[in-house]
């Protein structure tokens, strides 16, 4: 396999302060081990990560942004999902 045919991998890092993984970028690698090693070298140079996930891009299915209305509209008619009618205490300023 020459370098031009290496699969594309999506990289997710969980920081020391975070509870979830965040997408940080993409890279090419021959396999998952190489992808994790390259992700460590490229995206955690300052030791900010505690966990790395790599997913081969071909295994990710995404919604089509042009169809977002059809996909997300059903949630608009469920007002209980929107906290607009709840009264929050003053102590909760950042919610």
PDB file of N, CA and C in Angstrom:
ATOM      1  N   UNK A   1       0.853  -1.174   0.000  1.00  0.00           N
ATOM      2  CA  UNK A   1       0.000   0.000   0.000  1.00  0.00           C
ATOM      3  C   UNK A   1       0.899   1.237   0.000  1.00  0.00           C
ATOM      4  N   UNK A   2       0.756   2.048  -1.031  1.00  0.00           N
ATOM      5  CA  UNK A   2       1.573   3.264  -1.042  1.00  0.00           C
ATOM      6  C   UNK A   2       0.881   4.364  -0.234  1.00  0.00           C
ATOM      7  N   UNK A   3       1.624   5.383   0.072  1.00  0.00           N
ATOM      8  CA  UNK A   3       1.152   6.435   0.977  1.00  0.00           C
ATOM      9  C   UNK A   3      -0.120   7.120   0.485  1.00  0.00           C
ATOM     10  N   UNK A   4      -0.324   7.170  -0.818  1.00  0.00           N
ATOM     11  CA  UNK A   4      -1.512   7.820  -1.368  1.00  0.00           C
ATOM     12  C   UNK A   4      -2.782   7.037  -1.062  1.00  0.00           C
ATOM     13  N   UNK A   5      -2.653   5.746  -0.779  1.00  0.00           N
ATOM     14  CA  UNK A   5      -3.823   4.904  -0.528  1.00  0.00           C
ATOM     15  C   UNK A   5      -4.116   4.690   0.956  1.00  0.00           C
ATOM     16  N   UNK A   6      -3.366   5.320   1.842  1.00  0.00           N
ATOM     17  CA  UNK A   6      -3.621   5.161   3.271  1.00  0.00           C
ATOM     18  C   UNK A   6      -4.998   5.698   3.610  1.00  0.00           C
ATOM     19  N   UNK A   7      -5.768   4.990   4.424  1.00  0.00           N
ATOM     20  CA  UNK A   7      -7.107   5.482   4.778  1.00  0.00           C
ATOM     21  C   UNK A   7      -7.052   6.725   5.663  1.00  0.00           C
ATOM     22  N   UNK A   8      -8.128   7.477   5.623  1.00  0.00           N
ATOM     23  CA  UNK A   8      -8.275   8.677   6.436  1.00  0.00           C
ATOM     24  C   UNK A   8      -8.928   8.296   7.763  1.00  0.00           C
ATOM     25  N   UNK A   9      -8.372   8.815   8.861  1.00  0.00           N
ATOM     26  CA  UNK A   9      -8.874   8.549  10.206  1.00  0.00           C
ATOM     27  C   UNK A   9      -9.300   9.855  10.857  1.00  0.00           C
ATOM     28  N   UNK A  10     -10.405   9.817  11.579  1.00  0.00           N
ATOM     29  CA  UNK A  10     -10.865  10.964  12.361  1.00  0.00           C
ATOM     30  C   UNK A  10     -10.368  10.762  13.788  1.00  0.00           C
ATOM     31  N   UNK A  11      -9.877  11.836  14.403  1.00  0.00           N
ATOM     32  CA  UNK A  11      -9.242  11.756  15.718  1.00  0.00           C
ATOM     33  C   UNK A  11     -10.079  12.509  16.749  1.00  0.00           C
ATOM     34  N   UNK A  12     -10.319  11.848  17.888  1.00  0.00           N
ATOM     35  CA  UNK A  12     -11.064  12.418  19.009  1.00  0.00           C
ATOM     36  C   UNK A  12     -10.184  12.318  20.254  1.00  0.00           C
ATOM     37  N   UNK A  13     -10.075  13.419  20.988  1.00  0.00           N
ATOM     38  CA  UNK A  13      -9.228  13.483  22.181  1.00  0.00           C
ATOM     39  C   UNK A  13     -10.085  13.871  23.381  1.00  0.00           C
ATOM     40  N   UNK A  14      -9.844  13.223  24.509  1.00  0.00           N
ATOM     41  CA  UNK A  14     -10.457  13.655  25.776  1.00  0.00           C
ATOM     42  C   UNK A  14      -9.378  14.339  26.583  1.00  0.00           C
ATOM     43  N   UNK A  15      -9.621  15.578  26.928  1.00  0.00           N
ATOM     44  CA  UNK A  15      -8.633  16.355  27.674  1.00  0.00           C
ATOM     45  C   UNK A  15      -8.680  16.000  29.152  1.00  0.00           C
ATOM     46  N   UNK A  16      -7.683  16.445  29.890  1.00  0.00           N
ATOM     47  CA  UNK A  16      -7.632  16.183  31.332  1.00  0.00           C
ATOM     48  C   UNK A  16      -8.818  16.806  32.054  1.00  0.00           C
ATOM     49  N   UNK A  17      -9.300  17.930  31.566  1.00  0.00           N
ATOM     50  CA  UNK A  17     -10.417  18.608  32.213  1.00  0.00           C
ATOM     51  C   UNK A  17     -11.775  18.168  31.664  1.00  0.00           C
ATOM     52  N   UNK A  18     -11.790  17.452  30.559  1.00  0.00           N
ATOM     53  CA  UNK A  18     -13.053  17.122  29.910  1.00  0.00           C
ATOM     54  C   UNK A  18     -13.601  15.765  30.289  1.00  0.00           C
ATOM     55  N   UNK A  19     -14.909  15.625  30.078  1.00  0.00           N
ATOM     56  CA  UNK A  19     -15.559  14.345  30.317  1.00  0.00           C
ATOM     57  C   UNK A  19     -15.880  13.630  29.017  1.00  0.00           C
ATOM     58  N   UNK A  20     -15.802  14.349  27.912  1.00  0.00           N
ATOM     59  CA  UNK A  20     -16.131  13.742  26.623  1.00  0.00           C
ATOM     60  C   UNK A  20     -14.996  13.946  25.627  1.00  0.00           C
ATOM     61  N   UNK A  21     -14.983  13.110  24.630  1.00  0.00           N
ATOM     62  CA  UNK A  21     -13.998  13.238  23.558  1.00  0.00           C
ATOM     63  C   UNK A  21     -14.463  14.307  22.580  1.00  0.00           C
ATOM     64  N   UNK A  22     -13.529  15.053  22.047  1.00  0.00           N
ATOM     65  CA  UNK A  22     -13.834  16.099  21.058  1.00  0.00           C
ATOM     66  C   UNK A  22     -13.053  15.799  19.780  1.00  0.00           C
ATOM     67  N   UNK A  23     -13.695  16.046  18.652  1.00  0.00           N
ATOM     68  CA  UNK A  23     -13.024  15.858  17.370  1.00  0.00           C
ATOM     69  C   UNK A  23     -11.961  16.938  17.222  1.00  0.00           C
ATOM     70  N   UNK A  24     -10.728  16.512  16.939  1.00  0.00           N
ATOM     71  CA  UNK A  24      -9.636  17.478  16.825  1.00  0.00           C
ATOM     72  C   UNK A  24      -9.039  17.544  15.427  1.00  0.00           C
ATOM     73  N   UNK A  25      -9.338  16.566  14.590  1.00  0.00           N
ATOM     74  CA  UNK A  25      -8.796  16.601  13.245  1.00  0.00           C
ATOM     75  C   UNK A  25      -8.774  15.241  12.596  1.00  0.00           C
ATOM     76  N   UNK A  26      -8.062  15.172  11.482  1.00  0.00           N
ATOM     77  CA  UNK A  26      -7.971  13.953  10.689  1.00  0.00           C
ATOM     78  C   UNK A  26      -6.520  13.681  10.339  1.00  0.00           C
ATOM     79  N   UNK A  27      -6.241  12.429  10.022  1.00  0.00           N
ATOM     80  CA  UNK A  27      -4.907  12.064   9.555  1.00  0.00           C
ATOM     81  C   UNK A  27      -4.979  10.780   8.744  1.00  0.00           C
ATOM     82  N   UNK A  28      -3.934  10.515   7.996  1.00  0.00           N
ATOM     83  CA  UNK A  28      -3.836   9.287   7.222  1.00  0.00           C
ATOM     84  C   UNK A  28      -2.903   8.326   7.942  1.00  0.00           C
ATOM     85  N   UNK A  29      -3.277   7.043   7.969  1.00  0.00           N
ATOM     86  CA  UNK A  29      -2.449   6.017   8.588  1.00  0.00           C
ATOM     87  C   UNK A  29      -2.813   4.668   7.971  1.00  0.00           C
ATOM     88  N   UNK A  30      -1.890   3.717   8.079  1.00  0.00           N
ATOM     89  CA  UNK A  30      -2.122   2.398   7.480  1.00  0.00           C
ATOM     90  C   UNK A  30      -3.085   1.549   8.299  1.00  0.00           C
ATOM     91  N   UNK A  31      -3.074   1.707   9.626  1.00  0.00           N
ATOM     92  CA  UNK A  31      -3.954   0.926  10.490  1.00  0.00           C
ATOM     93  C   UNK A  31      -4.243   1.704  11.771  1.00  0.00           C
ATOM     94  N   UNK A  32      -5.069   1.106  12.656  1.00  0.00           N
ATOM     95  CA  UNK A  32      -5.484   1.819  13.869  1.00  0.00           C
ATOM     96  C   UNK A  32      -4.329   2.094  14.826  1.00  0.00           C
ATOM     97  N   UNK A  33      -3.360   1.188  14.905  1.00  0.00           N
ATOM     98  CA  UNK A  33      -2.213   1.438  15.783  1.00  0.00           C
ATOM     99  C   UNK A  33      -1.412   2.649  15.318  1.00  0.00           C
ATOM    100  N   UNK A  34      -1.151   2.701  14.031  1.00  0.00           N
ATOM    101  CA  UNK A  34      -0.408   3.839  13.479  1.00  0.00           C
ATOM    102  C   UNK A  34      -1.222   5.124  13.642  1.00  0.00           C
ATOM    103  N   UNK A  35      -2.546   5.021  13.484  1.00  0.00           N
ATOM    104  CA  UNK A  35      -3.408   6.202  13.627  1.00  0.00           C
ATOM    105  C   UNK A  35      -3.349   6.735  15.057  1.00  0.00           C
ATOM    106  N   UNK A  36      -3.376   5.852  16.053  1.00  0.00           N
ATOM    107  CA  UNK A  36      -3.295   6.309  17.446  1.00  0.00           C
ATOM    108  C   UNK A  36      -1.938   6.927  17.730  1.00  0.00           C
ATOM    109  N   UNK A  37      -0.873   6.299  17.268  1.00  0.00           N
ATOM    110  CA  UNK A  37       0.469   6.853  17.493  1.00  0.00           C
ATOM    111  C   UNK A  37       0.629   8.215  16.823  1.00  0.00           C
ATOM    112  N   UNK A  38       0.168   8.317  15.583  1.00  0.00           N
ATOM    113  CA  UNK A  38       0.256   9.604  14.875  1.00  0.00           C
ATOM    114  C   UNK A  38      -0.623  10.661  15.541  1.00  0.00           C
ATOM    115  N   UNK A  39      -1.806  10.261  15.994  1.00  0.00           N
ATOM    116  CA  UNK A  39      -2.699  11.197  16.676  1.00  0.00           C
ATOM    117  C   UNK A  39      -2.054  11.697  17.958  1.00  0.00           C
ATOM    118  N   UNK A  40      -1.417  10.798  18.702  1.00  0.00           N
ATOM    119  CA  UNK A  40      -0.719  11.211  19.921  1.00  0.00           C
ATOM    120  C   UNK A  40       0.360  12.233  19.581  1.00  0.00           C
ATOM    121  N   UNK A  41       1.145  11.951  18.548  1.00  0.00           N
ATOM    122  CA  UNK A  41       2.243  12.843  18.178  1.00  0.00           C
ATOM    123  C   UNK A  41       1.760  14.192  17.656  1.00  0.00           C
ATOM    124  N   UNK A  42       0.670  14.181  16.906  1.00  0.00           N
ATOM    125  CA  UNK A  42       0.195  15.411  16.270  1.00  0.00           C
ATOM    126  C   UNK A  42      -0.718  16.229  17.178  1.00  0.00           C
ATOM    127  N   UNK A  43      -1.635  15.574  17.899  1.00  0.00           N
ATOM    128  CA  UNK A  43      -2.688  16.302  18.598  1.00  0.00           C
ATOM    129  C   UNK A  43      -2.514  16.382  20.119  1.00  0.00           C
ATOM    130  N   UNK A  44      -1.502  15.731  20.695  1.00  0.00           N
ATOM    131  CA  UNK A  44      -1.307  15.817  22.154  1.00  0.00           C
ATOM    132  C   UNK A  44       0.136  16.139  22.476  1.00  0.00           C
ATOM    133  N   UNK A  45       0.711  17.077  21.782  1.00  0.00           N
ATOM    134  CA  UNK A  45       2.123  17.424  21.975  1.00  0.00           C
ATOM    135  C   UNK A  45       2.415  17.988  23.351  1.00  0.00           C
ATOM    136  N   UNK A  46       1.445  18.620  23.975  1.00  0.00           N
ATOM    137  CA  UNK A  46       1.671  19.246  25.274  1.00  0.00           C
ATOM    138  C   UNK A  46       1.072  18.421  26.408  1.00  0.00           C
ATOM    139  N   UNK A  47       0.876  17.136  26.190  1.00  0.00           N
ATOM    140  CA  UNK A  47       0.323  16.206  27.184  1.00  0.00           C
ATOM    141  C   UNK A  47      -1.058  16.620  27.675  1.00  0.00           C
ATOM    142  N   UNK A  48      -1.854  17.234  26.796  1.00  0.00           N
ATOM    143  CA  UNK A  48      -3.175  17.678  27.220  1.00  0.00           C
ATOM    144  C   UNK A  48      -4.232  16.583  27.145  1.00  0.00           C
ATOM    145  N   UNK A  49      -3.949  15.474  26.518  1.00  0.00           N
ATOM    146  CA  UNK A  49      -4.945  14.423  26.363  1.00  0.00           C
ATOM    147  C   UNK A  49      -4.760  13.277  27.340  1.00  0.00           C
ATOM    148  N   UNK A  50      -5.881  12.622  27.674  1.00  0.00           N
ATOM    149  CA  UNK A  50      -5.820  11.426  28.515  1.00  0.00           C
ATOM    150  C   UNK A  50      -6.392  10.206  27.796  1.00  0.00           C
ATOM    151  N   UNK A  51      -7.047  10.437  26.663  1.00  0.00           N
ATOM    152  CA  UNK A  51      -7.625   9.335  25.896  1.00  0.00           C
ATOM    153  C   UNK A  51      -7.727   9.747  24.435  1.00  0.00           C
ATOM    154  N   UNK A  52      -7.454   8.808  23.549  1.00  0.00           N
ATOM    155  CA  UNK A  52      -7.526   9.055  22.103  1.00  0.00           C
ATOM    156  C   UNK A  52      -8.447   8.008  21.478  1.00  0.00           C
ATOM    157  N   UNK A  53      -9.351   8.463  20.654  1.00  0.00           N
ATOM    158  CA  UNK A  53     -10.156   7.585  19.812  1.00  0.00           C
ATOM    159  C   UNK A  53      -9.802   7.892  18.364  1.00  0.00           C
ATOM    160  N   UNK A  54      -9.661   6.868  17.551  1.00  0.00           N
ATOM    161  CA  UNK A  54      -9.520   7.042  16.108  1.00  0.00           C
ATOM    162  C   UNK A  54     -10.583   6.190  15.427  1.00  0.00           C
ATOM    163  N   UNK A  55     -11.204   6.763  14.424  1.00  0.00           N
ATOM    164  CA  UNK A  55     -12.245   6.071  13.677  1.00  0.00           C
ATOM    165  C   UNK A  55     -11.954   6.258  12.204  1.00  0.00           C
ATOM    166  N   UNK A  56     -11.910   5.163  11.482  1.00  0.00           N
ATOM    167  CA  UNK A  56     -11.691   5.287  10.044  1.00  0.00           C
ATOM    168  C   UNK A  56     -12.878   6.045   9.446  1.00  0.00           C
ATOM    169  N   UNK A  57     -12.584   7.067   8.678  1.00  0.00           N
ATOM    170  CA  UNK A  57     -13.619   7.974   8.159  1.00  0.00           C
ATOM    171  C   UNK A  57     -14.717   7.250   7.407  1.00  0.00           C
ATOM    172  N   UNK A  58     -14.383   6.185   6.722  1.00  0.00           N
ATOM    173  CA  UNK A  58     -15.403   5.471   5.945  1.00  0.00           C
ATOM    174  C   UNK A  58     -16.453   4.815   6.837  1.00  0.00           C
ATOM    175  N   UNK A  59     -16.178   4.697   8.142  1.00  0.00           N
ATOM    176  CA  UNK A  59     -17.114   4.074   9.067  1.00  0.00           C
ATOM    177  C   UNK A  59     -18.021   5.078   9.774  1.00  0.00           C
ATOM    178  N   UNK A  60     -17.928   6.342   9.400  1.00  0.00           N
ATOM    179  CA  UNK A  60     -18.761   7.378  10.007  1.00  0.00           C
ATOM    180  C   UNK A  60     -19.902   7.718   9.055  1.00  0.00           C
ATOM    181  N   UNK A  61     -21.096   7.722   9.593  1.00  0.00           N
ATOM    182  CA  UNK A  61     -22.266   8.125   8.824  1.00  0.00           C
ATOM    183  C   UNK A  61     -22.758   9.444   9.395  1.00  0.00           C
ATOM    184  N   UNK A  62     -22.973  10.398   8.545  1.00  0.00           N
ATOM    185  CA  UNK A  62     -23.390  11.730   8.993  1.00  0.00           C
ATOM    186  C   UNK A  62     -24.710  12.112   8.352  1.00  0.00           C
ATOM    187  N   UNK A  63     -25.435  12.981   9.035  1.00  0.00           N
ATOM    188  CA  UNK A  63     -26.666  13.503   8.460  1.00  0.00           C
ATOM    189  C   UNK A  63     -26.314  14.501   7.367  1.00  0.00           C
ATOM    190  N   UNK A  64     -27.243  14.717   6.476  1.00  0.00           N
ATOM    191  CA  UNK A  64     -27.068  15.667   5.386  1.00  0.00           C
ATOM    192  C   UNK A  64     -27.532  17.043   5.862  1.00  0.00           C
ATOM    193  N   UNK A  65     -26.644  18.054   5.882  1.00  0.00           N
ATOM    194  CA  UNK A  65     -27.048  19.384   6.344  1.00  0.00           C
ATOM    195  C   UNK A  65     -28.226  19.972   5.566  1.00  0.00           C
ATOM    196  N   UNK A  66     -28.390  19.573   4.322  1.00  0.00           N
ATOM    197  CA  UNK A  66     -29.499  20.087   3.525  1.00  0.00           C
ATOM    198  C   UNK A  66     -30.843  19.539   3.989  1.00  0.00           C
ATOM    199  N   UNK A  67     -30.822  18.434   4.745  1.00  0.00           N
ATOM    200  CA  UNK A  67     -32.058  17.825   5.235  1.00  0.00           C
ATOM    201  C   UNK A  67     -32.245  18.060   6.728  1.00  0.00           C
ATOM    202  N   UNK A  68     -31.582  19.064   7.282  1.00  0.00           N
ATOM    203  CA  UNK A  68     -31.647  19.272   8.727  1.00  0.00           C
ATOM    204  C   UNK A  68     -33.046  19.626   9.206  1.00  0.00           C
ATOM    205  N   UNK A  69     -33.829  20.305   8.400  1.00  0.00           N
ATOM    206  CA  UNK A  69     -35.198  20.627   8.796  1.00  0.00           C
ATOM    207  C   UNK A  69     -36.023  19.384   9.024  1.00  0.00           C
ATOM    208  N   UNK A  70     -35.963  18.449   8.100  1.00  0.00           N
ATOM    209  CA  UNK A  70     -36.723  17.211   8.222  1.00  0.00           C
ATOM    210  C   UNK A  70     -36.237  16.379   9.400  1.00  0.00           C
ATOM    211  N   UNK A  71     -34.954  16.408   9.649  1.00  0.00           N
ATOM    212  CA  UNK A  71     -34.384  15.596  10.716  1.00  0.00           C
ATOM    213  C   UNK A  71     -34.671  16.168  12.098  1.00  0.00           C
ATOM    214  N   UNK A  72     -34.585  17.490  12.239  1.00  0.00           N
ATOM    215  CA  UNK A  72     -34.696  18.102  13.550  1.00  0.00           C
ATOM    216  C   UNK A  72     -36.054  18.722  13.845  1.00  0.00           C
ATOM    217  N   UNK A  73     -36.904  18.875  12.876  1.00  0.00           N
ATOM    218  CA  UNK A  73     -38.222  19.475  13.094  1.00  0.00           C
ATOM    219  C   UNK A  73     -39.066  18.717  14.113  1.00  0.00           C
ATOM    220  N   UNK A  74     -39.077  17.405  14.139  1.00  0.00           N
ATOM    221  CA  UNK A  74     -39.947  16.722  15.107  1.00  0.00           C
ATOM    222  C   UNK A  74     -39.707  17.156  16.546  1.00  0.00           C
ATOM    223  N   UNK A  75     -38.520  17.575  16.896  1.00  0.00           N
ATOM    224  CA  UNK A  75     -38.239  18.008  18.267  1.00  0.00           C
ATOM    225  C   UNK A  75     -38.877  19.353  18.586  1.00  0.00           C
ATOM    226  N   UNK A  76     -39.199  20.151  17.587  1.00  0.00           N
ATOM    227  CA  UNK A  76     -39.753  21.482  17.820  1.00  0.00           C
ATOM    228  C   UNK A  76     -41.155  21.426  18.437  1.00  0.00           C
ATOM    229  N   UNK A  77     -41.910  20.365  18.178  1.00  0.00           N
ATOM    230  CA  UNK A  77     -43.266  20.299  18.708  1.00  0.00           C
ATOM    231  C   UNK A  77     -43.333  19.649  20.089  1.00  0.00           C
ATOM    232  N   UNK A  78     -42.206  19.352  20.684  1.00  0.00           N
ATOM    233  CA  UNK A  78     -42.160  18.761  22.019  1.00  0.00           C
ATOM    234  C   UNK A  78     -41.614  19.817  22.978  1.00  0.00           C
ATOM    235  N   UNK A  79     -42.509  20.700  23.432  1.00  0.00           N
ATOM    236  CA  UNK A  79     -42.057  21.837  24.225  1.00  0.00           C
ATOM    237  C   UNK A  79     -41.407  21.427  25.542  1.00  0.00           C
ATOM    238  N   UNK A  80     -41.732  20.250  26.029  1.00  0.00           N
ATOM    239  CA  UNK A  80     -41.127  19.818  27.284  1.00  0.00           C
ATOM    240  C   UNK A  80     -39.620  19.599  27.141  1.00  0.00           C
ATOM    241  N   UNK A  81     -39.125  19.525  25.927  1.00  0.00           N
ATOM    242  CA  UNK A  81     -37.680  19.385  25.701  1.00  0.00           C
ATOM    243  C   UNK A  81     -36.955  20.726  25.781  1.00  0.00           C
ATOM    244  N   UNK A  82     -37.707  21.801  25.777  1.00  0.00           N
ATOM    245  CA  UNK A  82     -37.120  23.130  25.817  1.00  0.00           C
ATOM    246  C   UNK A  82     -37.400  23.746  27.189  1.00  0.00           C
ATOM    247  N   UNK A  83     -36.380  24.106  27.935  1.00  0.00           N
ATOM    248  CA  UNK A  83     -36.597  24.606  29.297  1.00  0.00           C
ATOM    249  C   UNK A  83     -37.008  26.075  29.362  1.00  0.00           C
ATOM    250  N   UNK A  84     -37.711  26.555  28.372  1.00  0.00           N
ATOM    251  CA  UNK A  84     -38.044  27.976  28.323  1.00  0.00           C
ATOM    252  C   UNK A  84     -39.110  28.368  29.337  1.00  0.00           C
ATOM    253  N   UNK A  85     -39.906  27.432  29.836  1.00  0.00           N
ATOM    254  CA  UNK A  85     -40.965  27.788  30.767  1.00  0.00           C
ATOM    255  C   UNK A  85     -40.629  27.412  32.213  1.00  0.00           C
ATOM    256  N   UNK A  86     -39.396  26.999  32.462  1.00  0.00           N
ATOM    257  CA  UNK A  86     -38.965  26.708  33.828  1.00  0.00           C
ATOM    258  C   UNK A  86     -38.347  27.961  34.443  1.00  0.00           C
ATOM    259  N   UNK A  87     -38.620  28.172  35.704  1.00  0.00           N
ATOM    260  CA  UNK A  87     -37.978  29.271  36.419  1.00  0.00           C
ATOM    261  C   UNK A  87     -36.743  28.726  37.116  1.00  0.00           C
ATOM    262  N   UNK A  88     -35.606  29.315  36.823  1.00  0.00           N
ATOM    263  CA  UNK A  88     -34.355  28.868  37.413  1.00  0.00           C
ATOM    264  C   UNK A  88     -33.954  29.780  38.565  1.00  0.00           C
ATOM    265  N   UNK A  89     -33.366  29.202  39.604  1.00  0.00           N
ATOM    266  CA  UNK A  89     -32.880  30.040  40.705  1.00  0.00           C
ATOM    267  C   UNK A  89     -31.763  30.954  40.236  1.00  0.00           C
ATOM    268  N   UNK A  90     -31.574  32.058  40.901  1.00  0.00           N
ATOM    269  CA  UNK A  90     -30.536  33.027  40.534  1.00  0.00           C
ATOM    270  C   UNK A  90     -29.136  32.442  40.622  1.00  0.00           C
ATOM    271  N   UNK A  91     -28.944  31.405  41.454  1.00  0.00           N
ATOM    272  CA  UNK A  91     -27.630  30.795  41.604  1.00  0.00           C
ATOM    273  C   UNK A  91     -27.155  30.108  40.314  1.00  0.00           C
ATOM    274  N   UNK A  92     -28.089  29.756  39.481  1.00  0.00           N
ATOM    275  CA  UNK A  92     -27.769  29.081  38.218  1.00  0.00           C
ATOM    276  C   UNK A  92     -27.681  30.102  37.102  1.00  0.00           C
ATOM    277  N   UNK A  93     -26.553  30.734  36.990  1.00  0.00           N
ATOM    278  CA  UNK A  93     -26.398  31.834  36.026  1.00  0.00           C
ATOM    279  C   UNK A  93     -25.931  31.375  34.644  1.00  0.00           C
ATOM    280  N   UNK A  94     -25.305  30.208  34.549  1.00  0.00           N
ATOM    281  CA  UNK A  94     -24.694  29.809  33.288  1.00  0.00           C
ATOM    282  C   UNK A  94     -25.435  28.661  32.610  1.00  0.00           C
ATOM    283  N   UNK A  95     -26.689  28.522  32.881  1.00  0.00           N
ATOM    284  CA  UNK A  95     -27.450  27.447  32.247  1.00  0.00           C
ATOM    285  C   UNK A  95     -28.386  28.031  31.207  1.00  0.00           C
TER     286      UNK A  95
END
